[in-house]
């Protein structure tokens, strides 16, 4: 396997377990900006871009309530989480025109959750051909648009109150 050096990732790797408090709880109190990648703060939910996306437009929707287990969420928060997910998908369809989506929860560290104490839903836009030879042969994923550019494309769509 060929190696791709990404020394900037070490900052993230070292900080994952050392962060002061919960990433999602902290971001839920911040004003949306390109620096924090927060797109929307609702009464019950937070929508933000993934700092380490699988594809351009990779979003996360989290409840503002600090909960790790899906079954622990109150019904009104579950409804708000799903409604905000629907809205995010509508916005991504209108602005980025993906051919499909992967939408899901990674519940628990062994299930792939990078932040396992605060559940969050991933929305990953997919396009025909976005899995090409680079990840298969080169073991490298190419993200074709800078995060800040994607943020500026999506943020205006999230300015209405939503949920």
Protein backbone atom coordinates (compact mmCIF):
# COMPACT_ATOMS: atom_id res chain seq x y z
CA UNK A 1 0.00 0.00 0.00
CA UNK A 2 1.23 3.46 -0.88
CA UNK A 3 1.31 5.93 1.99
CA UNK A 4 -0.37 9.29 1.91
CA UNK A 5 1.15 11.61 4.49
CA UNK A 6 -1.43 13.76 6.25
CA UNK A 7 0.30 15.21 9.32
CA UNK A 8 -2.64 17.56 9.98
CA UNK A 9 -4.67 14.46 11.00
CA UNK A 10 -2.44 13.94 14.05
CA UNK A 11 -3.85 17.08 15.68
CA UNK A 12 -7.31 15.48 15.43
CA UNK A 13 -6.16 12.03 16.53
CA UNK A 14 -4.44 13.41 19.63
CA UNK A 15 -7.35 15.66 20.53
CA UNK A 16 -10.27 13.20 20.20
CA UNK A 17 -10.12 11.94 23.76
CA UNK A 18 -8.63 15.12 25.21
CA UNK A 19 -11.34 17.55 24.12
CA UNK A 20 -12.77 19.71 26.84
CA UNK A 21 -16.40 18.61 27.02
CA UNK A 22 -18.54 17.34 24.19
CA UNK A 23 -17.90 18.54 20.63
CA UNK A 24 -21.62 18.66 19.76
CA UNK A 25 -22.67 20.34 23.02
CA UNK A 26 -19.96 22.96 22.54
CA UNK A 27 -20.88 23.62 18.91
CA UNK A 28 -24.60 23.79 19.80
CA UNK A 29 -23.82 26.97 21.76
CA UNK A 30 -21.77 28.62 19.01
CA UNK A 31 -23.11 30.98 16.37
CA UNK A 32 -22.99 29.38 12.92
CA UNK A 33 -19.79 30.31 11.09
CA UNK A 34 -17.33 28.96 8.56
CA UNK A 35 -14.80 28.47 11.37
CA UNK A 36 -16.99 26.02 13.33
CA UNK A 37 -18.82 24.63 10.24
CA UNK A 38 -22.18 24.97 12.05
CA UNK A 39 -24.94 25.46 9.49
CA UNK A 40 -27.98 25.61 11.79
CA UNK A 41 -28.95 25.61 15.45
CA UNK A 42 -32.55 24.65 16.06
CA UNK A 43 -34.47 24.30 19.29
CA UNK A 44 -33.70 20.56 19.45
CA UNK A 45 -31.03 19.96 16.80
CA UNK A 46 -27.68 21.08 15.45
CA UNK A 47 -26.64 20.73 11.81
CA UNK A 48 -22.98 21.02 10.87
CA UNK A 49 -20.49 19.96 8.26
CA UNK A 50 -18.11 17.09 8.96
CA UNK A 51 -14.54 18.39 9.33
CA UNK A 52 -13.29 15.06 7.91
CA UNK A 53 -15.87 14.35 5.18
CA UNK A 54 -16.32 11.17 3.19
CA UNK A 55 -17.62 13.34 0.33
CA UNK A 56 -18.29 17.01 -0.34
CA UNK A 57 -21.43 18.03 1.51
CA UNK A 58 -21.05 15.42 4.30
CA UNK A 59 -23.28 16.79 7.06
CA UNK A 60 -24.10 15.73 10.60
CA UNK A 61 -27.35 16.34 12.45
CA UNK A 62 -27.24 15.93 16.23
CA UNK A 63 -29.75 16.45 18.98
CA UNK A 64 -28.81 19.32 21.28
CA UNK A 65 -29.60 16.95 24.13
CA UNK A 66 -26.42 15.12 25.21
CA UNK A 67 -27.42 11.48 24.72
CA UNK A 68 -25.48 8.46 23.42
CA UNK A 69 -28.38 6.03 22.99
CA UNK A 70 -31.09 6.48 20.37
CA UNK A 71 -33.70 4.87 22.59
CA UNK A 72 -33.02 7.52 25.27
CA UNK A 73 -34.16 10.40 23.05
CA UNK A 74 -37.59 11.86 23.85
CA UNK A 75 -40.13 11.56 21.01
CA UNK A 76 -40.16 15.30 20.25
CA UNK A 77 -36.38 15.26 19.79
CA UNK A 78 -36.52 12.16 17.56
CA UNK A 79 -39.11 13.93 15.40
CA UNK A 80 -37.00 17.11 15.24
CA UNK A 81 -33.88 15.05 14.36
CA UNK A 82 -35.67 13.35 11.47
CA UNK A 83 -37.29 16.59 10.23
CA UNK A 84 -33.92 18.36 10.25
CA UNK A 85 -32.40 15.38 8.40
CA UNK A 86 -35.13 15.65 5.76
CA UNK A 87 -34.46 19.37 5.42
CA UNK A 88 -30.71 18.83 5.09
CA UNK A 89 -31.31 16.26 2.35
CA UNK A 90 -33.66 18.67 0.50
CA UNK A 91 -31.01 21.40 0.71
CA UNK A 92 -28.23 19.09 -0.50
CA UNK A 93 -30.41 17.93 -3.40
CA UNK A 94 -31.18 21.51 -4.43
CA UNK A 95 -27.63 22.85 -4.09
CA UNK A 96 -25.35 19.89 -4.88
CA UNK A 97 -27.52 17.58 -7.01
CA UNK A 98 -26.26 14.23 -5.66
CA UNK A 99 -27.50 10.99 -7.18
CA UNK A 100 -28.13 9.40 -3.76
CA UNK A 101 -27.26 9.47 -0.06
CA UNK A 102 -25.86 7.37 2.73
CA UNK A 103 -27.68 8.32 5.94
CA UNK A 104 -26.92 6.66 9.23
CA UNK A 105 -25.95 6.52 12.88
CA UNK A 106 -22.81 4.96 14.31
CA UNK A 107 -23.86 4.06 17.85
CA UNK A 108 -20.86 3.22 20.02
CA UNK A 109 -17.11 3.34 19.42
CA UNK A 110 -17.01 -0.21 18.01
CA UNK A 111 -19.69 0.80 15.49
CA UNK A 112 -17.45 3.56 14.15
CA UNK A 113 -18.59 6.53 16.24
CA UNK A 114 -15.76 9.03 16.57
CA UNK A 115 -17.84 10.85 19.18
CA UNK A 116 -19.61 8.03 20.98
CA UNK A 117 -21.12 9.91 23.93
CA UNK A 118 -23.37 12.15 21.80
CA UNK A 119 -25.32 10.49 19.00
CA UNK A 120 -25.31 12.17 15.63
CA UNK A 121 -26.63 11.28 12.22
CA UNK A 122 -24.40 11.35 9.13
CA UNK A 123 -25.72 12.49 5.75
CA UNK A 124 -23.28 11.69 2.95
CA UNK A 125 -24.20 12.79 -0.59
CA UNK A 126 -23.20 10.29 -3.28
CA UNK A 127 -22.65 10.68 -7.01
CA UNK A 128 -22.27 8.07 -9.70
CA UNK A 129 -18.54 7.56 -10.08
CA UNK A 130 -17.54 9.07 -6.71
CA UNK A 131 -15.95 5.73 -5.87
CA UNK A 132 -13.31 5.53 -8.55
CA UNK A 133 -9.82 4.09 -8.78
CA UNK A 134 -8.36 6.50 -6.18
CA UNK A 135 -9.84 4.84 -3.05
CA UNK A 136 -9.78 1.37 -4.60
CA UNK A 137 -6.24 1.31 -6.01
CA UNK A 138 -4.60 4.38 -4.48
CA UNK A 139 -6.27 4.01 -1.06
CA UNK A 140 -6.90 7.79 -1.23
CA UNK A 141 -10.20 9.69 -1.19
CA UNK A 142 -10.37 12.90 -3.20
CA UNK A 143 -12.74 15.60 -1.91
CA UNK A 144 -13.34 17.90 -4.90
CA UNK A 145 -14.45 21.06 -3.07
CA UNK A 146 -12.91 22.94 -0.13
CA UNK A 147 -14.96 22.81 3.10
CA UNK A 148 -15.32 26.58 3.29
CA UNK A 149 -16.65 26.74 -0.29
CA UNK A 150 -19.24 24.06 0.49
CA UNK A 151 -20.14 25.89 3.70
CA UNK A 152 -20.82 29.12 1.80
CA UNK A 153 -22.95 27.26 -0.75
CA UNK A 154 -25.08 25.56 1.93
CA UNK A 155 -25.31 28.13 4.75
CA UNK A 156 -27.86 30.48 3.09
CA UNK A 157 -30.29 27.55 2.77
CA UNK A 158 -30.15 26.93 6.53
CA UNK A 159 -30.88 30.53 7.56
CA UNK A 160 -34.62 29.98 7.98
CA UNK A 161 -35.66 28.61 11.38
CA UNK A 162 -36.29 25.01 10.22
CA UNK A 163 -37.35 22.69 13.03
